[in-house]
Protein backbone atom coordinates (compact mmCIF):
# COMPACT_ATOMS: atom_id res chain seq x y z
CA MET A 1 0.09 19.09 3.63
CA ARG A 2 1.49 16.24 1.43
CA LYS A 3 4.20 16.86 -0.81
CA ALA A 4 5.82 14.01 -3.18
CA LEU A 5 9.00 14.48 -5.32
CA VAL A 6 9.07 12.07 -8.27
CA VAL A 7 11.99 12.10 -10.87
CA GLY A 8 12.51 9.18 -13.54
CA ILE A 9 15.84 9.54 -15.33
CA ASP A 10 16.62 7.72 -18.88
CA ASN A 11 18.90 9.81 -20.54
CA TYR A 12 22.08 8.38 -19.36
CA PRO A 13 25.16 9.06 -22.01
CA ALA A 14 26.48 5.85 -21.19
CA SER A 15 24.01 3.54 -20.57
CA PRO A 16 20.16 5.21 -21.40
CA LEU A 17 17.30 3.70 -20.33
CA LYS A 18 13.86 3.48 -21.31
CA GLY A 19 11.25 3.47 -18.79
CA CYS A 20 12.06 4.95 -16.19
CA THR A 21 10.65 8.35 -16.97
CA ASN A 22 7.46 6.41 -18.03
CA ASP A 23 7.34 4.98 -14.25
CA ALA A 24 7.92 8.21 -13.04
CA THR A 25 5.30 10.15 -15.18
CA ALA A 26 2.57 7.07 -13.94
CA PHE A 27 3.42 7.20 -10.22
CA ALA A 28 3.15 10.90 -10.49
CA ASP A 29 -0.46 10.64 -12.20
CA VAL A 30 -1.25 8.00 -9.53
CA ILE A 31 -0.39 9.22 -6.21
CA ALA A 32 -1.64 13.07 -7.14
CA VAL A 33 -5.21 12.25 -6.98
CA ASP A 34 -7.22 9.80 -4.43
CA GLY A 35 -9.29 7.30 -5.89
CA TYR A 36 -12.30 9.54 -5.58
CA GLY A 37 -10.27 11.86 -7.61
CA SER A 38 -9.41 14.22 -4.26
CA PRO A 39 -6.37 15.68 -4.37
CA ASN A 40 -3.89 13.72 -2.48
CA PHE A 41 -0.34 14.58 -2.87
CA ASP A 42 1.07 17.90 -3.92
CA VAL A 43 3.70 16.18 -6.47
CA LEU A 44 6.92 17.42 -8.34
CA LYS A 45 7.75 15.25 -10.73
CA LYS A 46 10.90 15.83 -12.66
CA SER A 47 12.80 14.00 -15.40
CA ASN A 48 15.75 13.71 -16.75
CA VAL A 49 16.88 15.72 -14.50
CA GLU A 50 20.81 16.84 -15.80
CA ASN A 51 23.34 17.02 -12.22
CA LYS A 52 23.94 15.33 -8.96
CA ALA A 53 23.67 18.99 -7.81
CA ASP A 54 20.13 19.79 -9.17
CA LEU A 55 18.88 16.73 -7.76
CA LYS A 56 20.43 16.77 -4.78
CA GLY A 57 18.69 20.19 -4.48
CA LEU A 58 15.49 18.83 -4.98
CA ILE A 59 16.02 16.24 -2.15
CA GLU A 60 16.87 18.90 0.20
CA ASP A 61 13.60 20.99 -0.29
CA LEU A 62 11.44 18.02 -0.13
CA PHE A 63 12.47 17.01 3.21
CA ASN A 64 12.17 20.92 4.29
CA GLY A 65 9.40 21.63 6.69
CA ASP A 66 7.08 19.71 8.50
CA SER A 67 4.68 18.33 6.36
CA GLU A 68 2.33 15.34 7.14
CA ILE A 69 4.20 13.06 4.72
CA ALA A 70 7.53 13.76 2.37
CA LEU A 71 7.76 11.25 -0.16
CA LEU A 72 10.74 10.46 -2.47
CA TYR A 73 10.34 8.24 -5.57
CA PHE A 74 13.12 7.76 -7.91
CA SER A 75 13.05 5.64 -11.15
CA GLY A 76 17.09 5.42 -13.12
CA HIS A 77 20.43 4.08 -12.73
CA GLY A 78 21.55 2.66 -9.33
CA PHE A 79 25.08 1.95 -7.96
CA ILE A 80 27.51 1.03 -4.96
CA ASP A 81 30.74 1.00 -4.42
CA SER A 82 33.07 0.14 -1.59
CA CYS A 83 31.79 3.72 0.08
CA ALA A 84 27.93 4.12 -0.51
CA GLY A 85 25.09 3.01 -2.72
CA TYR A 86 24.12 6.10 -5.17
CA ILE A 87 21.06 6.98 -7.28
CA ALA A 88 22.93 7.55 -10.24
CA THR A 89 22.74 10.99 -12.23
CA PRO A 90 23.64 11.65 -16.38
CA ASP A 91 26.54 13.62 -15.10
CA PHE A 92 27.77 9.98 -13.65
CA LYS A 93 31.53 10.47 -13.12
CA GLN A 94 33.36 6.70 -11.72
CA LYS A 95 33.90 8.40 -8.24
CA ASP A 96 31.09 10.91 -8.23
CA PRO A 97 28.14 8.45 -9.50
CA GLY A 98 25.14 10.87 -8.44
CA VAL A 99 23.89 11.71 -5.25
CA SER A 100 25.06 9.22 -1.67
CA MET A 101 21.53 6.94 -0.28
CA ASP A 102 23.52 7.67 2.76
CA GLU A 103 22.81 11.79 2.39
CA ILE A 104 19.21 10.67 1.37
CA LEU A 105 19.11 8.89 4.61
CA THR A 106 20.27 11.29 6.43
CA LEU A 107 17.93 14.04 5.26
CA ALA A 108 15.04 12.39 6.04
CA ASN A 109 15.96 11.26 9.53
CA GLN A 110 16.79 15.31 9.97
CA SER A 111 13.61 15.88 8.94
CA ARG A 112 11.24 17.21 10.84
CA CYS A 113 7.93 16.02 8.48
CA ARG A 114 5.91 13.95 10.60
CA ASN A 115 6.53 10.61 7.47
CA ARG A 116 8.97 10.43 5.61
CA VAL A 117 9.02 8.04 2.83
CA VAL A 118 11.62 6.91 -0.02
CA ILE A 119 10.74 4.50 -2.43
CA LEU A 120 13.52 3.57 -4.81
CA ASP A 121 13.70 1.70 -8.19
CA CYS A 122 16.97 1.54 -8.67
CA CYS A 123 19.76 -1.48 -9.65
CA TYR A 124 21.90 -1.88 -5.60
CA SER A 125 18.78 0.12 -3.99
CA GLY A 126 18.44 -2.07 -0.58
CA ALA A 127 21.82 -0.47 0.13
CA PHE A 128 19.74 2.53 1.22
CA GLY A 129 18.95 2.38 4.85
CA SER A 130 22.24 0.29 5.70
CA PRO A 131 25.03 2.86 5.22
CA MET A 132 28.19 1.94 4.25
CA VAL A 133 29.62 3.18 8.16
CA ASN A 134 28.66 -0.02 9.91
CA GLY A 135 29.44 -2.24 6.99
CA GLY A 136 25.90 -2.26 5.86
CA LYS A 137 24.76 -4.47 8.58
CA THR A 138 22.44 -1.72 10.65
CA ALA A 139 19.67 0.12 9.41
CA GLN A 140 19.89 3.43 10.91
CA VAL A 141 16.15 4.68 9.83
CA LYS A 142 14.76 7.22 12.69
CA GLU A 143 11.13 7.15 13.60
CA GLY A 144 8.61 7.95 10.75
CA VAL A 145 11.08 6.86 8.13
CA THR A 146 9.77 4.18 5.51
CA ILE A 147 11.68 2.60 3.11
CA LEU A 148 10.76 0.95 -0.05
CA THR A 149 13.37 -0.58 -2.77
CA SER A 150 13.27 -2.94 -5.60
CA CYS A 151 15.78 -5.64 -4.69
CA ARG A 152 18.22 -5.99 -2.62
CA ASP A 153 21.73 -4.12 -2.26
CA TYR A 154 23.40 -7.04 -4.69
CA GLU A 155 20.58 -7.11 -7.47
CA GLN A 156 19.55 -5.59 -10.46
CA SER A 157 16.48 -3.92 -10.84
CA VAL A 158 14.72 -5.27 -13.91
CA GLU A 159 12.62 -3.13 -16.84
CA ILE A 160 9.75 -5.32 -18.38
CA GLN A 161 7.68 -3.74 -21.34
CA GLY A 162 8.80 0.34 -20.84
CA HIS A 163 8.49 0.01 -17.02
CA GLY A 164 10.47 -0.95 -14.43
CA LEU A 165 9.40 -4.78 -13.00
CA PHE A 166 8.94 -3.44 -9.47
CA THR A 167 6.98 0.13 -10.06
CA SER A 168 4.81 -1.69 -12.54
CA LEU A 169 3.55 -3.52 -9.26
CA LEU A 170 3.99 -0.49 -7.37
CA LEU A 171 1.08 1.01 -9.43
CA ASP A 172 -0.75 -1.99 -9.09
CA ALA A 173 -0.60 -2.12 -5.41
CA MET A 174 -1.53 1.93 -5.18
CA ARG A 175 -4.64 1.92 -7.90
CA GLY A 176 -5.88 -0.54 -5.17
CA GLY A 177 -4.29 -3.74 -5.29
CA ALA A 178 -2.93 -2.91 -1.59
CA ALA A 179 -6.01 -1.58 0.05
CA ASP A 180 -7.66 -2.72 3.05
CA LEU A 181 -10.82 -3.29 3.37
CA ARG A 182 -11.66 0.26 4.25
CA GLY A 183 -9.75 1.71 0.82
CA HIS A 184 -6.46 2.63 2.55
CA ILE A 185 -2.83 2.02 0.70
CA THR A 186 -0.66 1.93 3.19
CA PRO A 187 3.65 1.43 2.96
CA GLY A 188 3.45 -1.86 4.95
CA SER A 189 0.36 -3.03 2.39
CA VAL A 190 2.26 -1.93 -0.67
CA TYR A 191 5.13 -4.17 0.18
CA ALA A 192 3.65 -7.22 1.22
CA TYR A 193 1.50 -6.51 -2.34
CA ILE A 194 4.95 -6.58 -4.18
CA ASP A 195 6.68 -9.16 -2.80
CA GLN A 196 3.88 -11.86 -2.81
CA ALA A 197 3.80 -11.05 -6.94
CA LEU A 198 7.51 -11.40 -6.83
CA GLY A 199 8.73 -15.10 -7.82
CA PRO A 200 11.31 -16.21 -5.52
CA TRP A 201 14.10 -16.70 -8.08
CA GLU A 202 13.03 -12.95 -8.78
CA GLN A 203 14.92 -9.42 -6.96
CA ARG A 204 13.24 -9.28 -4.23
CA PRO A 205 12.17 -5.60 -2.48
CA VAL A 206 13.51 -4.57 0.58
CA PHE A 207 10.83 -3.12 3.37
CA ILE A 208 12.40 -1.09 6.07
CA THR A 209 10.64 1.06 9.13
CA ASN A 210 10.52 2.78 12.05
CA VAL A 211 6.99 4.31 13.04
CA SER A 212 3.99 3.56 15.13
CA GLN A 213 1.49 3.44 12.95
CA PHE A 214 1.80 3.65 8.90
CA VAL A 215 0.59 6.44 7.26
CA SER A 216 -2.17 6.22 4.27
CA LEU A 217 -0.62 6.93 0.67
CA ARG A 218 -3.96 6.49 -1.00
CA LYS A 219 -7.54 5.86 -0.61
CA THR A 220 -9.37 4.08 -2.74
CA THR A 221 -12.99 2.40 -2.56
CA PRO A 222 -13.66 0.48 0.17
CA GLN A 223 -14.80 -3.45 -0.63
CA VAL A 224 -17.28 -3.08 1.93
CA ALA A 225 -19.17 0.17 2.82
CA ILE A 226 -17.77 2.22 5.85
CA GLU A 227 -21.27 2.36 7.35
CA ILE A 228 -21.58 -1.21 7.15
CA LEU A 229 -18.22 -2.19 8.67
CA ARG A 230 -19.35 0.33 11.50
CA ARG A 231 -22.54 -2.05 11.93
CA ILE A 232 -20.41 -4.64 12.98
CA ILE A 233 -20.41 -4.16 16.54
CA LYS A 234 -24.09 -4.05 16.65
CA TYR A 235 -24.96 -7.52 14.76
CA PHE A 236 -22.11 -8.70 17.69
CA PRO A 237 -22.45 -7.14 20.53
CA LYS A 238 -18.96 -9.56 21.26
CA PRO A 239 -16.55 -10.77 19.61
CA ASP A 240 -17.26 -14.35 19.88
CA PHE A 241 -20.88 -13.76 19.14
CA ASP A 242 -23.02 -16.21 17.29
CA TYR A 243 -25.95 -14.60 15.54
CA HIS A 244 -28.91 -15.91 14.75
CA LEU A 245 -30.64 -16.72 11.25
CA ASP A 246 -33.90 -17.61 10.40
CA PRO A 247 -35.61 -18.50 6.81
CA SER A 248 -37.15 -14.43 7.59
CA TYR A 249 -33.76 -13.00 6.71
CA GLU A 250 -33.87 -14.56 2.93
CA PHE A 251 -35.49 -12.48 0.63
CA THR A 252 -36.77 -14.88 -1.78
CA ASN A 253 -38.42 -16.85 0.81
CA THR A 254 -42.19 -15.34 0.18
CA HIS A 255 -45.36 -17.06 0.54
CA GLY A 256 -46.66 -18.13 -2.92
CA SER A 257 -43.32 -17.13 -4.67
CA GLY A 258 -42.92 -20.63 -6.80
CA HIS A 259 -40.28 -22.16 -5.17
CA LYS A 260 -40.07 -24.10 -1.97
CA SER A 261 -40.60 -21.66 1.03
CA SER A 262 -40.25 -21.93 5.15
CA GLU A 263 -41.97 -20.03 7.78
CA PRO A 264 -41.33 -17.50 9.14
CA TYR A 265 -41.33 -15.85 6.19
CA ALA A 266 -39.18 -12.81 4.71
CA ASP A 267 -39.17 -10.11 6.69
CA PRO A 268 -38.42 -6.48 5.37
CA ASP A 269 -36.06 -5.75 8.53
CA HIS A 270 -33.78 -8.92 8.74
CA VAL A 271 -33.93 -8.68 4.93
CA LEU A 272 -31.85 -5.72 5.38
CA VAL A 273 -29.72 -7.05 7.77
CA PHE A 274 -28.94 -10.12 6.12
CA LYS A 275 -27.53 -7.78 3.24
CA ASP A 276 -25.13 -6.76 5.50
CA LEU A 277 -23.96 -10.16 6.94
CA GLN A 278 -23.56 -11.32 3.54
CA LYS A 279 -21.84 -8.48 2.40
CA LEU A 280 -19.59 -8.92 5.51
CA GLU A 281 -18.89 -12.36 4.50
CA SER A 282 -17.86 -11.96 0.91
CA VAL A 283 -15.04 -10.31 2.45
CA GLY A 284 -13.72 -12.75 5.03
CA LEU A 285 -15.20 -11.07 7.99
CA VAL A 286 -18.34 -13.51 8.36
CA ILE A 287 -18.91 -17.39 8.00
CA PRO A 288 -21.85 -19.40 8.29
CA VAL A 289 -22.05 -21.97 11.05
CA GLY A 290 -22.74 -25.54 10.20
CA GLU A 291 -23.35 -23.97 6.21
CA GLU A 292 -21.50 -23.98 3.40
CA HIS A 293 -23.34 -20.89 1.83
CA MET A 294 -25.64 -18.01 3.88
CA TYR A 295 -28.46 -18.89 1.83
CA PHE A 296 -28.71 -22.39 3.50
CA ALA A 297 -27.42 -21.33 7.26
CA ALA A 298 -30.72 -19.07 7.20
CA MET A 299 -33.11 -21.45 5.90
CA ASN A 300 -31.91 -23.97 8.23
CA SER A 301 -32.39 -21.30 10.93
CA ARG A 302 -28.46 -22.06 11.83
CA SER A 303 -25.79 -18.87 12.80
CA CYS A 304 -22.83 -16.97 11.40
CA ARG A 305 -19.97 -15.81 13.26
CA LEU A 306 -17.20 -13.61 12.90
CA THR A 307 -13.70 -14.69 11.60
CA THR A 308 -10.60 -14.00 12.88
CA LEU A 309 -10.27 -10.82 10.64
CA GLY A 310 -13.78 -10.08 11.72
CA HIS A 311 -12.46 -9.89 15.28
CA HIS A 312 -9.89 -7.39 14.09
CA TYR A 313 -12.12 -5.50 12.25
CA TRP A 314 -14.39 -5.23 14.87
CA ARG A 315 -11.90 -4.43 17.22
CA LEU A 316 -11.47 -1.39 15.52
CA VAL A 317 -14.68 -0.39 15.06
CA LYS A 318 -14.97 -0.55 18.82
CA GLU A 319 -12.20 1.50 19.11
CA LYS A 320 -13.16 3.85 17.39
CA ARG A 321 -10.79 3.91 14.16
CA ILE A 322 -13.62 2.97 11.62
């Protein structure tokens, strides 16, 4: 079971926001289904939770049980004082601003859910994971917990065009921008996508994790068909193998085609292999040797080989992880 609590709060009496419920709705819609339209997360979306007690109760319910993954997303005001960071609620008081980030971390750390993911888009959210009780210097994150926040503990989180800047990038990442070649989107790839998109003068996201393997948050259509990826060990028996090509691999190389052609002419079986190799080349797994393009590698009887990234996916296939 994969469950998610998605919260957006705009209705703060003293300082209303405009984009947080939009953020929550958009994020909930994205994670509810994968790229194929199949169910992904069982989402509980809550807009404008009125008070601290209600929000804390929802978070406690989220981390109860033993689900495969429990995900918390929050968009709203954040607050920090000398004691802790907080996700603020509409019943905000100066000495009681909302739910303590330290309390949420404790709930996540103690949860029996196999993977716990916390995503915060609020000011000072980088305080999450570094409790004030130790001076905010040491992350207290137990195995299976991943934290992604919109900014550091001294920064504000920016809103633009009806969405938080961070969530705008998060949505792009979850819709496929952060997908690997297999179509998997993980917390690590989401962070990398957002980190690269934000400039050095903008708010900086914070990523803290203690996992042995990243869980997939969503799957989208792979950049290359899985069956083609799996054939990589057929074409390259060893990762440093050079696959020899000749003109018979190029489908336009036929006798009487009206343009320059060479023997051996196109062979249907070789043409099918070449299409796979060209697809692998298009996603950075294969490169031609001694030529700029795969076409010339074939026509000039050169070869092709795996890139460093190709070596990585070769190992994944060889180890039956794909």
